[in-house]
Amino acid sequence: IGDVIFFPVGTQHYIKSICDEDLLLVLAYSTGNELETLRMKGYFHGT
């Protein structure tokens, strides 16, 4: 609680919960266009 995280554009990252309670975050993405995301499951299945 209270921590800020930063992931630069094009940097692969992941987040997992390790508490008994749910992990909740507010996220902001710096783009004026539709956000484009590629997930590990997507590029494995797409290869």
ModelCIF file with pLDDT and N, C-alpha, C, O atoms, coordinates in Angstrom:
data_MODEL
#
_entry.id   MODEL 
#
_entity.id                         1 
_entity.type                       polymer 
_entity.pdbx_number_of_molecules   1 
#
_entity_poly.entity_id                      1 
_entity_poly.type                           'polypeptide(L)' 
_entity_poly.nstd_linkage                   no 
_entity_poly.nstd_monomer                   no 
_entity_poly.pdbx_seq_one_letter_code       IGDVIFFPVGTQHYIKSICDEDLLLVLAYSTGNELETLRMKGYFHGT 
_entity_poly.pdbx_seq_one_letter_code_can   IGDVIFFPVGTQHYIKSICDEDLLLVLAYSTGNELETLRMKGYFHGT 
_entity_poly.pdbx_strand_id                 A 
#
loop_
_entity_poly_seq.entity_id 
_entity_poly_seq.num 
_entity_poly_seq.mon_id 
_entity_poly_seq.hetero 
1 1  ILE n 
1 2  GLY n 
1 3  ASP n 
1 4  VAL n 
1 5  ILE n 
1 6  PHE n 
1 7  PHE n 
1 8  PRO n 
1 9  VAL n 
1 10 GLY n 
1 11 THR n 
1 12 GLN n 
1 13 HIS n 
1 14 TYR n 
1 15 ILE n 
1 16 LYS n 
1 17 SER n 
1 18 ILE n 
1 19 CYS n 
1 20 ASP n 
1 21 GLU n 
1 22 ASP n 
1 23 LEU n 
1 24 LEU n 
1 25 LEU n 
1 26 VAL n 
1 27 LEU n 
1 28 ALA n 
1 29 TYR n 
1 30 SER n 
1 31 THR n 
1 32 GLY n 
1 33 ASN n 
1 34 GLU n 
1 35 LEU n 
1 36 GLU n 
1 37 THR n 
1 38 LEU n 
1 39 ARG n 
1 40 MET n 
1 41 LYS n 
1 42 GLY n 
1 43 TYR n 
1 44 PHE n 
1 45 HIS n 
1 46 GLY n 
1 47 THR n 
#
_struct_asym.id          A 
_struct_asym.entity_id   1 
#
loop_
_ma_qa_metric.id 
_ma_qa_metric.mode 
_ma_qa_metric.name 
_ma_qa_metric.software_group_id 
_ma_qa_metric.type 
1 global pLDDT . pLDDT 
2 local  pLDDT . pLDDT 
#
_ma_qa_metric_global.metric_id      1 
_ma_qa_metric_global.metric_value   95.28 
_ma_qa_metric_global.model_id       1 
_ma_qa_metric_global.ordinal_id     1 
#
loop_
_ma_qa_metric_local.label_asym_id 
_ma_qa_metric_local.label_comp_id 
_ma_qa_metric_local.label_seq_id 
_ma_qa_metric_local.metric_id 
_ma_qa_metric_local.metric_value 
_ma_qa_metric_local.model_id 
_ma_qa_metric_local.ordinal_id 
A ILE 1  2 97.00 1 1  
A GLY 2  2 97.00 1 2  
A ASP 3  2 98.00 1 3  
A VAL 4  2 97.00 1 4  
A ILE 5  2 97.00 1 5  
A PHE 6  2 96.00 1 6  
A PHE 7  2 96.00 1 7  
A PRO 8  2 94.00 1 8  
A VAL 9  2 95.00 1 9  
A GLY 10 2 94.00 1 10 
A THR 11 2 95.00 1 11 
A GLN 12 2 96.00 1 12 
A HIS 13 2 97.00 1 13 
A TYR 14 2 97.00 1 14 
A ILE 15 2 97.00 1 15 
A LYS 16 2 97.00 1 16 
A SER 17 2 97.00 1 17 
A ILE 18 2 96.00 1 18 
A CYS 19 2 93.00 1 19 
A ASP 20 2 95.00 1 20 
A GLU 21 2 95.00 1 21 
A ASP 22 2 97.00 1 22 
A LEU 23 2 98.00 1 23 
A LEU 24 2 98.00 1 24 
A LEU 25 2 98.00 1 25 
A VAL 26 2 97.00 1 26 
A LEU 27 2 97.00 1 27 
A ALA 28 2 97.00 1 28 
A TYR 29 2 96.00 1 29 
A SER 30 2 94.00 1 30 
A THR 31 2 92.00 1 31 
A GLY 32 2 87.00 1 32 
A ASN 33 2 91.00 1 33 
A GLU 34 2 93.00 1 34 
A LEU 35 2 94.00 1 35 
A GLU 36 2 96.00 1 36 
A THR 37 2 96.00 1 37 
A LEU 38 2 96.00 1 38 
A ARG 39 2 95.00 1 39 
A MET 40 2 94.00 1 40 
A LYS 41 2 94.00 1 41 
A GLY 42 2 94.00 1 42 
A TYR 43 2 93.00 1 43 
A PHE 44 2 93.00 1 44 
A HIS 45 2 93.00 1 45 
A GLY 46 2 94.00 1 46 
A THR 47 2 95.00 1 47 
#
loop_
_atom_site.group_PDB 
_atom_site.id 
_atom_site.type_symbol 
_atom_site.label_atom_id 
_atom_site.label_alt_id 
_atom_site.label_comp_id 
_atom_site.label_asym_id 
_atom_site.label_entity_id 
_atom_site.label_seq_id 
_atom_site.pdbx_PDB_ins_code 
_atom_site.Cartn_x 
_atom_site.Cartn_y 
_atom_site.Cartn_z 
_atom_site.occupancy 
_atom_site.B_iso_or_equiv 
_atom_site.pdbx_formal_charge 
_atom_site.auth_seq_id 
_atom_site.auth_comp_id 
_atom_site.auth_asym_id 
_atom_site.auth_atom_id 
_atom_site.pdbx_PDB_model_num 
ATOM 1   N N  . ILE A 1 1  ? 0.831  -1.207  0.000   1.00 97.00 ? 1  ILE A N  1 
ATOM 2   C CA . ILE A 1 1  ? 0.000  0.000   0.000   1.00 97.00 ? 1  ILE A CA 1 
ATOM 3   C C  . ILE A 1 1  ? 0.868  1.260   0.000   1.00 97.00 ? 1  ILE A C  1 
ATOM 4   O O  . ILE A 1 1  ? 1.785  1.400   0.809   1.00 97.00 ? 1  ILE A O  1 
ATOM 5   N N  . GLY A 1 2  ? 0.561  2.167   -0.919  1.00 97.00 ? 2  GLY A N  1 
ATOM 6   C CA . GLY A 1 2  ? 1.290  3.429   -1.015  1.00 97.00 ? 2  GLY A CA 1 
ATOM 7   C C  . GLY A 1 2  ? 2.471  3.403   -1.957  1.00 97.00 ? 2  GLY A C  1 
ATOM 8   O O  . GLY A 1 2  ? 3.076  4.445   -2.207  1.00 97.00 ? 2  GLY A O  1 
ATOM 9   N N  . ASP A 1 3  ? 2.821  2.233   -2.494  1.00 98.00 ? 3  ASP A N  1 
ATOM 10  C CA . ASP A 1 3  ? 3.963  2.144   -3.414  1.00 98.00 ? 3  ASP A CA 1 
ATOM 11  C C  . ASP A 1 3  ? 3.556  2.545   -4.831  1.00 98.00 ? 3  ASP A C  1 
ATOM 12  O O  . ASP A 1 3  ? 2.417  2.340   -5.251  1.00 98.00 ? 3  ASP A O  1 
ATOM 13  N N  . VAL A 1 4  ? 4.509  3.118   -5.552  1.00 97.00 ? 4  VAL A N  1 
ATOM 14  C CA . VAL A 1 4  ? 4.333  3.471   -6.958  1.00 97.00 ? 4  VAL A CA 1 
ATOM 15  C C  . VAL A 1 4  ? 5.258  2.597   -7.787  1.00 97.00 ? 4  VAL A C  1 
ATOM 16  O O  . VAL A 1 4  ? 6.427  2.424   -7.442  1.00 97.00 ? 4  VAL A O  1 
ATOM 17  N N  . ILE A 1 5  ? 4.743  2.044   -8.880  1.00 97.00 ? 5  ILE A N  1 
ATOM 18  C CA . ILE A 1 5  ? 5.558  1.224   -9.781  1.00 97.00 ? 5  ILE A CA 1 
ATOM 19  C C  . ILE A 1 5  ? 5.569  1.867   -11.159 1.00 97.00 ? 5  ILE A C  1 
ATOM 20  O O  . ILE A 1 5  ? 4.637  2.580   -11.531 1.00 97.00 ? 5  ILE A O  1 
ATOM 21  N N  . PHE A 1 6  ? 6.638  1.606   -11.917 1.00 96.00 ? 6  PHE A N  1 
ATOM 22  C CA . PHE A 1 6  ? 6.792  2.198   -13.251 1.00 96.00 ? 6  PHE A CA 1 
ATOM 23  C C  . PHE A 1 6  ? 7.366  1.164   -14.206 1.00 96.00 ? 6  PHE A C  1 
ATOM 24  O O  . PHE A 1 6  ? 8.384  0.536   -13.915 1.00 96.00 ? 6  PHE A O  1 
ATOM 25  N N  . PHE A 1 7  ? 6.704  0.988   -15.354 1.00 96.00 ? 7  PHE A N  1 
ATOM 26  C CA . PHE A 1 7  ? 7.172  0.079   -16.386 1.00 96.00 ? 7  PHE A CA 1 
ATOM 27  C C  . PHE A 1 7  ? 7.325  0.872   -17.692 1.00 96.00 ? 7  PHE A C  1 
ATOM 28  O O  . PHE A 1 7  ? 6.325  1.312   -18.259 1.00 96.00 ? 7  PHE A O  1 
ATOM 29  N N  . PRO A 1 8  ? 8.564  1.062   -18.177 1.00 94.00 ? 8  PRO A N  1 
ATOM 30  C CA . PRO A 1 8  ? 8.764  1.808   -19.425 1.00 94.00 ? 8  PRO A CA 1 
ATOM 31  C C  . PRO A 1 8  ? 8.125  1.097   -20.616 1.00 94.00 ? 8  PRO A C  1 
ATOM 32  O O  . PRO A 1 8  ? 7.923  -0.117  -20.596 1.00 94.00 ? 8  PRO A O  1 
ATOM 33  N N  . VAL A 1 9  ? 7.811  1.870   -21.648 1.00 95.00 ? 9  VAL A N  1 
ATOM 34  C CA . VAL A 1 9  ? 7.195  1.328   -22.857 1.00 95.00 ? 9  VAL A CA 1 
ATOM 35  C C  . VAL A 1 9  ? 8.045  0.176   -23.402 1.00 95.00 ? 9  VAL A C  1 
ATOM 36  O O  . VAL A 1 9  ? 9.271  0.274   -23.460 1.00 95.00 ? 9  VAL A O  1 
ATOM 37  N N  . GLY A 1 10 ? 7.383  -0.913  -23.797 1.00 94.00 ? 10 GLY A N  1 
ATOM 38  C CA . GLY A 1 10 ? 8.080  -2.049  -24.386 1.00 94.00 ? 10 GLY A CA 1 
ATOM 39  C C  . GLY A 1 10 ? 8.750  -2.974  -23.394 1.00 94.00 ? 10 GLY A C  1 
ATOM 40  O O  . GLY A 1 10 ? 9.392  -3.941  -23.803 1.00 94.00 ? 10 GLY A O  1 
ATOM 41  N N  . THR A 1 11 ? 8.620  -2.706  -22.086 1.00 95.00 ? 11 THR A N  1 
ATOM 42  C CA . THR A 1 11 ? 9.251  -3.543  -21.064 1.00 95.00 ? 11 THR A CA 1 
ATOM 43  C C  . THR A 1 11 ? 8.261  -4.606  -20.576 1.00 95.00 ? 11 THR A C  1 
ATOM 44  O O  . THR A 1 11 ? 7.192  -4.274  -20.065 1.00 95.00 ? 11 THR A O  1 
ATOM 45  N N  . GLN A 1 12 ? 8.617  -5.867  -20.732 1.00 96.00 ? 12 GLN A N  1 
ATOM 46  C CA . GLN A 1 12 ? 7.717  -6.922  -20.265 1.00 96.00 ? 12 GLN A CA 1 
ATOM 47  C C  . GLN A 1 12 ? 7.705  -6.938  -18.732 1.00 96.00 ? 12 GLN A C  1 
ATOM 48  O O  . GLN A 1 12 ? 8.746  -6.804  -18.089 1.00 96.00 ? 12 GLN A O  1 
ATOM 49  N N  . HIS A 1 13 ? 6.515  -7.103  -18.168 1.00 97.00 ? 13 HIS A N  1 
ATOM 50  C CA . HIS A 1 13 ? 6.375  -7.070  -16.717 1.00 97.00 ? 13 HIS A CA 1 
ATOM 51  C C  . HIS A 1 13 ? 5.189  -7.926  -16.295 1.00 97.00 ? 13 HIS A C  1 
ATOM 52  O O  . HIS A 1 13 ? 4.335  -8.279  -17.108 1.00 97.00 ? 13 HIS A O  1 
ATOM 53  N N  . TYR A 1 14 ? 5.156  -8.251  -15.010 1.00 97.00 ? 14 TYR A N  1 
ATOM 54  C CA . TYR A 1 14 ? 4.034  -9.011  -14.464 1.00 97.00 ? 14 TYR A CA 1 
ATOM 55  C C  . TYR A 1 14 ? 3.825  -8.588  -13.015 1.00 97.00 ? 14 TYR A C  1 
ATOM 56  O O  . TYR A 1 14 ? 4.721  -8.020  -12.390 1.00 97.00 ? 14 TYR A O  1 
ATOM 57  N N  . ILE A 1 15 ? 2.647  -8.866  -12.491 1.00 97.00 ? 15 ILE A N  1 
ATOM 58  C CA . ILE A 1 15 ? 2.313  -8.564  -11.105 1.00 97.00 ? 15 ILE A CA 1 
ATOM 59  C C  . ILE A 1 15 ? 1.525  -9.753  -10.545 1.00 97.00 ? 15 ILE A C  1 
ATOM 60  O O  . ILE A 1 15 ? 0.620  -10.271 -11.198 1.00 97.00 ? 15 ILE A O  1 
ATOM 61  N N  . LYS A 1 16 ? 1.878  -10.173 -9.341  1.00 97.00 ? 16 LYS A N  1 
ATOM 62  C CA . LYS A 1 16 ? 1.096  -11.226 -8.692  1.00 97.00 ? 16 LYS A CA 1 
ATOM 63  C C  . LYS A 1 16 ? 0.786  -10.821 -7.257  1.00 97.00 ? 16 LYS A C  1 
ATOM 64  O O  . LYS A 1 16 ? 1.541  -10.079 -6.628  1.00 97.00 ? 16 LYS A O  1 
ATOM 65  N N  . SER A 1 17 ? -0.336 -11.320 -6.753  1.00 97.00 ? 17 SER A N  1 
ATOM 66  C CA . SER A 1 17 ? -0.752 -11.042 -5.381  1.00 97.00 ? 17 SER A CA 1 
ATOM 67  C C  . SER A 1 17 ? -0.145 -12.095 -4.451  1.00 97.00 ? 17 SER A C  1 
ATOM 68  O O  . SER A 1 17 ? -0.154 -13.286 -4.764  1.00 97.00 ? 17 SER A O  1 
ATOM 69  N N  . ILE A 1 18 ? 0.378  -11.652 -3.312  1.00 96.00 ? 18 ILE A N  1 
ATOM 70  C CA . ILE A 1 18 ? 0.987  -12.601 -2.372  1.00 96.00 ? 18 ILE A CA 1 
ATOM 71  C C  . ILE A 1 18 ? 0.379  -12.481 -0.978  1.00 96.00 ? 18 ILE A C  1 
ATOM 72  O O  . ILE A 1 18 ? 0.919  -13.022 -0.013  1.00 96.00 ? 18 ILE A O  1 
ATOM 73  N N  . CYS A 1 19 ? -0.762 -11.760 -0.873  1.00 93.00 ? 19 CYS A N  1 
ATOM 74  C CA . CYS A 1 19 ? -1.443 -11.600 0.418   1.00 93.00 ? 19 CYS A CA 1 
ATOM 75  C C  . CYS A 1 19 ? -2.747 -12.397 0.437   1.00 93.00 ? 19 CYS A C  1 
ATOM 76  O O  . CYS A 1 19 ? -3.199 -12.894 -0.595  1.00 93.00 ? 19 CYS A O  1 
ATOM 77  N N  . ASP A 1 20 ? -3.341 -12.511 1.620   1.00 95.00 ? 20 ASP A N  1 
ATOM 78  C CA . ASP A 1 20 ? -4.651 -13.141 1.740   1.00 95.00 ? 20 ASP A CA 1 
ATOM 79  C C  . ASP A 1 20 ? -5.736 -12.277 1.132   1.00 95.00 ? 20 ASP A C  1 
ATOM 80  O O  . ASP A 1 20 ? -6.752 -12.792 0.664   1.00 95.00 ? 20 ASP A O  1 
ATOM 81  N N  . GLU A 1 21 ? -5.530 -10.951 1.134   1.00 95.00 ? 21 GLU A N  1 
ATOM 82  C CA . GLU A 1 21 ? -6.515 -10.039 0.554   1.00 95.00 ? 21 GLU A CA 1 
ATOM 83  C C  . GLU A 1 21 ? -6.167 -9.731  -0.892  1.00 95.00 ? 21 GLU A C  1 
ATOM 84  O O  . GLU A 1 21 ? -5.046 -9.981  -1.336  1.00 95.00 ? 21 GLU A O  1 
ATOM 85  N N  . ASP A 1 22 ? -7.144 -9.178  -1.635  1.00 97.00 ? 22 ASP A N  1 
ATOM 86  C CA . ASP A 1 22 ? -6.914 -8.827  -3.029  1.00 97.00 ? 22 ASP A CA 1 
ATOM 87  C C  . ASP A 1 22 ? -5.904 -7.691  -3.141  1.00 97.00 ? 22 ASP A C  1 
ATOM 88  O O  . ASP A 1 22 ? -5.832 -6.820  -2.274  1.00 97.00 ? 22 ASP A O  1 
ATOM 89  N N  . LEU A 1 23 ? -5.133 -7.711  -4.211  1.00 98.00 ? 23 LEU A N  1 
ATOM 90  C CA . LEU A 1 23 ? -4.205 -6.628  -4.537  1.00 98.00 ? 23 LEU A CA 1 
ATOM 91  C C  . LEU A 1 23 ? -4.924 -5.662  -5.469  1.00 98.00 ? 23 LEU A C  1 
ATOM 92  O O  . LEU A 1 23 ? -5.402 -6.061  -6.531  1.00 98.00 ? 23 LEU A O  1 
ATOM 93  N N  . LEU A 1 24 ? -5.003 -4.391  -5.074  1.00 98.00 ? 24 LEU A N  1 
ATOM 94  C CA . LEU A 1 24 ? -5.692 -3.378  -5.875  1.00 98.00 ? 24 LEU A CA 1 
ATOM 95  C C  . LEU A 1 24 ? -4.721 -2.273  -6.265  1.00 98.00 ? 24 LEU A C  1 
ATOM 96  O O  . LEU A 1 24 ? -3.966 -1.778  -5.429  1.00 98.00 ? 24 LEU A O  1 
ATOM 97  N N  . LEU A 1 25 ? -4.743 -1.884  -7.551  1.00 98.00 ? 25 LEU A N  1 
ATOM 98  C CA . LEU A 1 25 ? -3.886 -0.814  -8.047  1.00 98.00 ? 25 LEU A CA 1 
ATOM 99  C C  . LEU A 1 25 ? -4.680 0.132   -8.932  1.00 98.00 ? 25 LEU A C  1 
ATOM 100 O O  . LEU A 1 25 ? -5.648 -0.265  -9.580  1.00 98.00 ? 25 LEU A O  1 
ATOM 101 N N  . VAL A 1 26 ? -4.258 1.385   -8.947  1.00 97.00 ? 26 VAL A N  1 
ATOM 102 C CA . VAL A 1 26 ? -4.726 2.357   -9.939  1.00 97.00 ? 26 VAL A CA 1 
ATOM 103 C C  . VAL A 1 26 ? -3.590 2.528   -10.936 1.00 97.00 ? 26 VAL A C  1 
ATOM 104 O O  . VAL A 1 26 ? -2.464 2.831   -10.542 1.00 97.00 ? 26 VAL A O  1 
ATOM 105 N N  . LEU A 1 27 ? -3.871 2.336   -12.226 1.00 97.00 ? 27 LEU A N  1 
ATOM 106 C CA . LEU A 1 27 ? -2.845 2.356   -13.267 1.00 97.00 ? 27 LEU A CA 1 
ATOM 107 C C  . LEU A 1 27 ? -3.074 3.510   -14.240 1.00 97.00 ? 27 LEU A C  1 
ATOM 108 O O  . LEU A 1 27 ? -4.213 3.875   -14.533 1.00 97.00 ? 27 LEU A O  1 
ATOM 109 N N  . ALA A 1 28 ? -1.982 4.073   -14.730 1.00 97.00 ? 28 ALA A N  1 
ATOM 110 C CA . ALA A 1 28 ? -2.052 5.129   -15.739 1.00 97.00 ? 28 ALA A CA 1 
ATOM 111 C C  . ALA A 1 28 ? -1.113 4.779   -16.886 1.00 97.00 ? 28 ALA A C  1 
ATOM 112 O O  . ALA A 1 28 ? 0.030  4.378   -16.667 1.00 97.00 ? 28 ALA A O  1 
ATOM 113 N N  . TYR A 1 29 ? -1.608 4.936   -18.113 1.00 96.00 ? 29 TYR A N  1 
ATOM 114 C CA . TYR A 1 29 ? -0.832 4.627   -19.315 1.00 96.00 ? 29 TYR A CA 1 
ATOM 115 C C  . TYR A 1 29 ? -0.694 5.896   -20.151 1.00 96.00 ? 29 TYR A C  1 
ATOM 116 O O  . TYR A 1 29 ? -1.690 6.551   -20.460 1.00 96.00 ? 29 TYR A O  1 
ATOM 117 N N  . SER A 1 30 ? 0.537  6.242   -20.515 1.00 94.00 ? 30 SER A N  1 
ATOM 118 C CA . SER A 1 30 ? 0.792  7.503   -21.214 1.00 94.00 ? 30 SER A CA 1 
ATOM 119 C C  . SER A 1 30 ? 0.648  7.322   -22.723 1.00 94.00 ? 30 SER A C  1 
ATOM 120 O O  . SER A 1 30 ? 1.638  7.179   -23.440 1.00 94.00 ? 30 SER A O  1 
ATOM 121 N N  . THR A 1 31 ? -0.588 7.332   -23.188 1.00 92.00 ? 31 THR A N  1 
ATOM 122 C CA . THR A 1 31 ? -0.820 7.258   -24.621 1.00 92.00 ? 31 THR A CA 1 
ATOM 123 C C  . THR A 1 31 ? -2.082 8.023   -24.982 1.00 92.00 ? 31 THR A C  1 
ATOM 124 O O  . THR A 1 31 ? -3.091 7.937   -24.281 1.00 92.00 ? 31 THR A O  1 
ATOM 125 N N  . GLY A 1 32 ? -2.024 8.765   -26.070 1.00 87.00 ? 32 GLY A N  1 
ATOM 126 C CA . GLY A 1 32 ? -3.200 9.452   -26.569 1.00 87.00 ? 32 GLY A CA 1 
ATOM 127 C C  . GLY A 1 32 ? -3.966 8.606   -27.571 1.00 87.00 ? 32 GLY A C  1 
ATOM 128 O O  . GLY A 1 32 ? -4.919 9.075   -28.193 1.00 87.00 ? 32 GLY A O  1 
ATOM 129 N N  . ASN A 1 33 ? -3.548 7.365   -27.724 1.00 91.00 ? 33 ASN A N  1 
ATOM 130 C CA . ASN A 1 33 ? -4.181 6.467   -28.679 1.00 91.00 ? 33 ASN A CA 1 
ATOM 131 C C  . ASN A 1 33 ? -4.701 5.238   -27.940 1.00 91.00 ? 33 ASN A C  1 
ATOM 132 O O  . ASN A 1 33 ? -4.547 5.129   -26.724 1.00 91.00 ? 33 ASN A O  1 
ATOM 133 N N  . GLU A 1 34 ? -5.308 4.323   -28.667 1.00 93.00 ? 34 GLU A N  1 
ATOM 134 C CA . GLU A 1 34 ? -5.781 3.098   -28.029 1.00 93.00 ? 34 GLU A CA 1 
ATOM 135 C C  . GLU A 1 34 ? -4.589 2.286   -27.551 1.00 93.00 ? 34 GLU A C  1 
ATOM 136 O O  . GLU A 1 34 ? -3.646 2.064   -28.311 1.00 93.00 ? 34 GLU A O  1 
ATOM 137 N N  . LEU A 1 35 ? -4.620 1.842   -26.299 1.00 94.00 ? 35 LEU A N  1 
ATOM 138 C CA . LEU A 1 35 ? -3.514 1.106   -25.706 1.00 94.00 ? 35 LEU A CA 1 
ATOM 139 C C  . LEU A 1 35 ? -3.309 -0.215  -26.437 1.00 94.00 ? 35 LEU A C  1 
ATOM 140 O O  . LEU A 1 35 ? -4.259 -0.960  -26.677 1.00 94.00 ? 35 LEU A O  1 
ATOM 141 N N  . GLU A 1 36 ? -2.052 -0.496  -26.788 1.00 96.00 ? 36 GLU A N  1 
ATOM 142 C CA . GLU A 1 36 ? -1.701 -1.725  -27.495 1.00 96.00 ? 36 GLU A CA 1 
ATOM 143 C C  . GLU A 1 36 ? -0.848 -2.600  -26.582 1.00 96.00 ? 36 GLU A C  1 
ATOM 144 O O  . GLU A 1 36 ? 0.232  -2.203  -26.145 1.00 96.00 ? 36 GLU A O  1 
ATOM 145 N N  . THR A 1 37 ? -1.357 -3.797  -26.306 1.00 96.00 ? 37 THR A N  1 
ATOM 146 C CA . THR A 1 37 ? -0.733 -4.697  -25.329 1.00 96.00 ? 37 THR A CA 1 
ATOM 147 C C  . THR A 1 37 ? -0.551 -6.082  -25.943 1.00 96.00 ? 37 THR A C  1 
ATOM 148 O O  . THR A 1 37 ? -1.419 -6.573  -26.665 1.00 96.00 ? 37 THR A O  1 
ATOM 149 N N  . LEU A 1 38 ? 0.581  -6.701  -25.648 1.00 96.00 ? 38 LEU A N  1 
ATOM 150 C CA . LEU A 1 38 ? 0.808  -8.089  -26.066 1.00 96.00 ? 38 LEU A CA 1 
ATOM 151 C C  . LEU A 1 38 ? 1.184  -8.892  -24.831 1.00 96.00 ? 38 LEU A C  1 
ATOM 152 O O  . LEU A 1 38 ? 2.144  -8.569  -24.132 1.00 96.00 ? 38 LEU A O  1 
ATOM 153 N N  . ARG A 1 39 ? 0.402  -9.959  -24.569 1.00 95.00 ? 39 ARG A N  1 
ATOM 154 C CA . ARG A 1 39 ? 0.630  -10.810 -23.406 1.00 95.00 ? 39 ARG A CA 1 
ATOM 155 C C  . ARG A 1 39 ? 1.397  -12.078 -23.791 1.00 95.00 ? 39 ARG A C  1 
ATOM 156 O O  . ARG A 1 39 ? 1.377  -12.507 -24.944 1.00 95.00 ? 39 ARG A O  1 
ATOM 157 N N  . MET A 1 40 ? 2.065  -12.659 -22.809 1.00 94.00 ? 40 MET A N  1 
ATOM 158 C CA . MET A 1 40 ? 2.874  -13.856 -23.050 1.00 94.00 ? 40 MET A CA 1 
ATOM 159 C C  . MET A 1 40 ? 2.049  -14.958 -23.707 1.00 94.00 ? 40 MET A C  1 
ATOM 160 O O  . MET A 1 40 ? 2.506  -15.619 -24.640 1.00 94.00 ? 40 MET A O  1 
ATOM 161 N N  . LYS A 1 41 ? 0.829  -15.147 -23.209 1.00 94.00 ? 41 LYS A N  1 
ATOM 162 C CA . LYS A 1 41 ? -0.045 -16.170 -23.785 1.00 94.00 ? 41 LYS A CA 1 
ATOM 163 C C  . LYS A 1 41 ? -0.307 -15.878 -25.258 1.00 94.00 ? 41 LYS A C  1 
ATOM 164 O O  . LYS A 1 41 ? -0.378 -16.792 -26.080 1.00 94.00 ? 41 LYS A O  1 
ATOM 165 N N  . GLY A 1 42 ? -0.450 -14.585 -25.584 1.00 94.00 ? 42 GLY A N  1 
ATOM 166 C CA . GLY A 1 42 ? -0.733 -14.195 -26.957 1.00 94.00 ? 42 GLY A CA 1 
ATOM 167 C C  . GLY A 1 42 ? 0.418  -14.471 -27.903 1.00 94.00 ? 42 GLY A C  1 
ATOM 168 O O  . GLY A 1 42 ? 0.214  -15.003 -28.994 1.00 94.00 ? 42 GLY A O  1 
ATOM 169 N N  . TYR A 1 43 ? 1.656  -14.105 -27.484 1.00 93.00 ? 43 TYR A N  1 
ATOM 170 C CA . TYR A 1 43 ? 2.746  -14.303 -28.443 1.00 93.00 ? 43 TYR A CA 1 
ATOM 171 C C  . TYR A 1 43 ? 3.233  -15.750 -28.502 1.00 93.00 ? 43 TYR A C  1 
ATOM 172 O O  . TYR A 1 43 ? 3.833  -16.152 -29.499 1.00 93.00 ? 43 TYR A O  1 
ATOM 173 N N  . PHE A 1 44 ? 2.985  -16.548 -27.444 1.00 93.00 ? 44 PHE A N  1 
ATOM 174 C CA . PHE A 1 44 ? 3.297  -17.983 -27.549 1.00 93.00 ? 44 PHE A CA 1 
ATOM 175 C C  . PHE A 1 44 ? 2.316  -18.661 -28.496 1.00 93.00 ? 44 PHE A C  1 
ATOM 176 O O  . PHE A 1 44 ? 2.714  -19.449 -29.355 1.00 93.00 ? 44 PHE A O  1 
ATOM 177 N N  . HIS A 1 45 ? 1.030  -18.351 -28.335 1.00 93.00 ? 45 HIS A N  1 
ATOM 178 C CA . HIS A 1 45 ? 0.025  -18.956 -29.208 1.00 93.00 ? 45 HIS A CA 1 
ATOM 179 C C  . HIS A 1 45 ? 0.122  -18.431 -30.633 1.00 93.00 ? 45 HIS A C  1 
ATOM 180 O O  . HIS A 1 45 ? -0.281 -19.108 -31.579 1.00 93.00 ? 45 HIS A O  1 
ATOM 181 N N  . GLY A 1 46 ? 0.655  -17.227 -30.783 1.00 94.00 ? 46 GLY A N  1 
ATOM 182 C CA . GLY A 1 46 ? 0.761  -16.627 -32.109 1.00 94.00 ? 46 GLY A CA 1 
ATOM 183 C C  . GLY A 1 46 ? 2.014  -17.022 -32.867 1.00 94.00 ? 46 GLY A C  1 
ATOM 184 O O  . GLY A 1 46 ? 2.172  -16.662 -34.034 1.00 94.00 ? 46 GLY A O  1 
ATOM 185 N N  . THR A 1 47 ? 2.908  -17.760 -32.217 1.00 95.00 ? 47 THR A N  1 
ATOM 186 C CA . THR A 1 47 ? 4.144  -18.197 -32.863 1.00 95.00 ? 47 THR A CA 1 
ATOM 187 C C  . THR A 1 47 ? 3.996  -19.645 -33.314 1.00 95.00 ? 47 THR A C  1 
ATOM 188 O O  . THR A 1 47 ? 4.928  -20.212 -33.884 1.00 95.00 ? 47 THR A O  1 
#
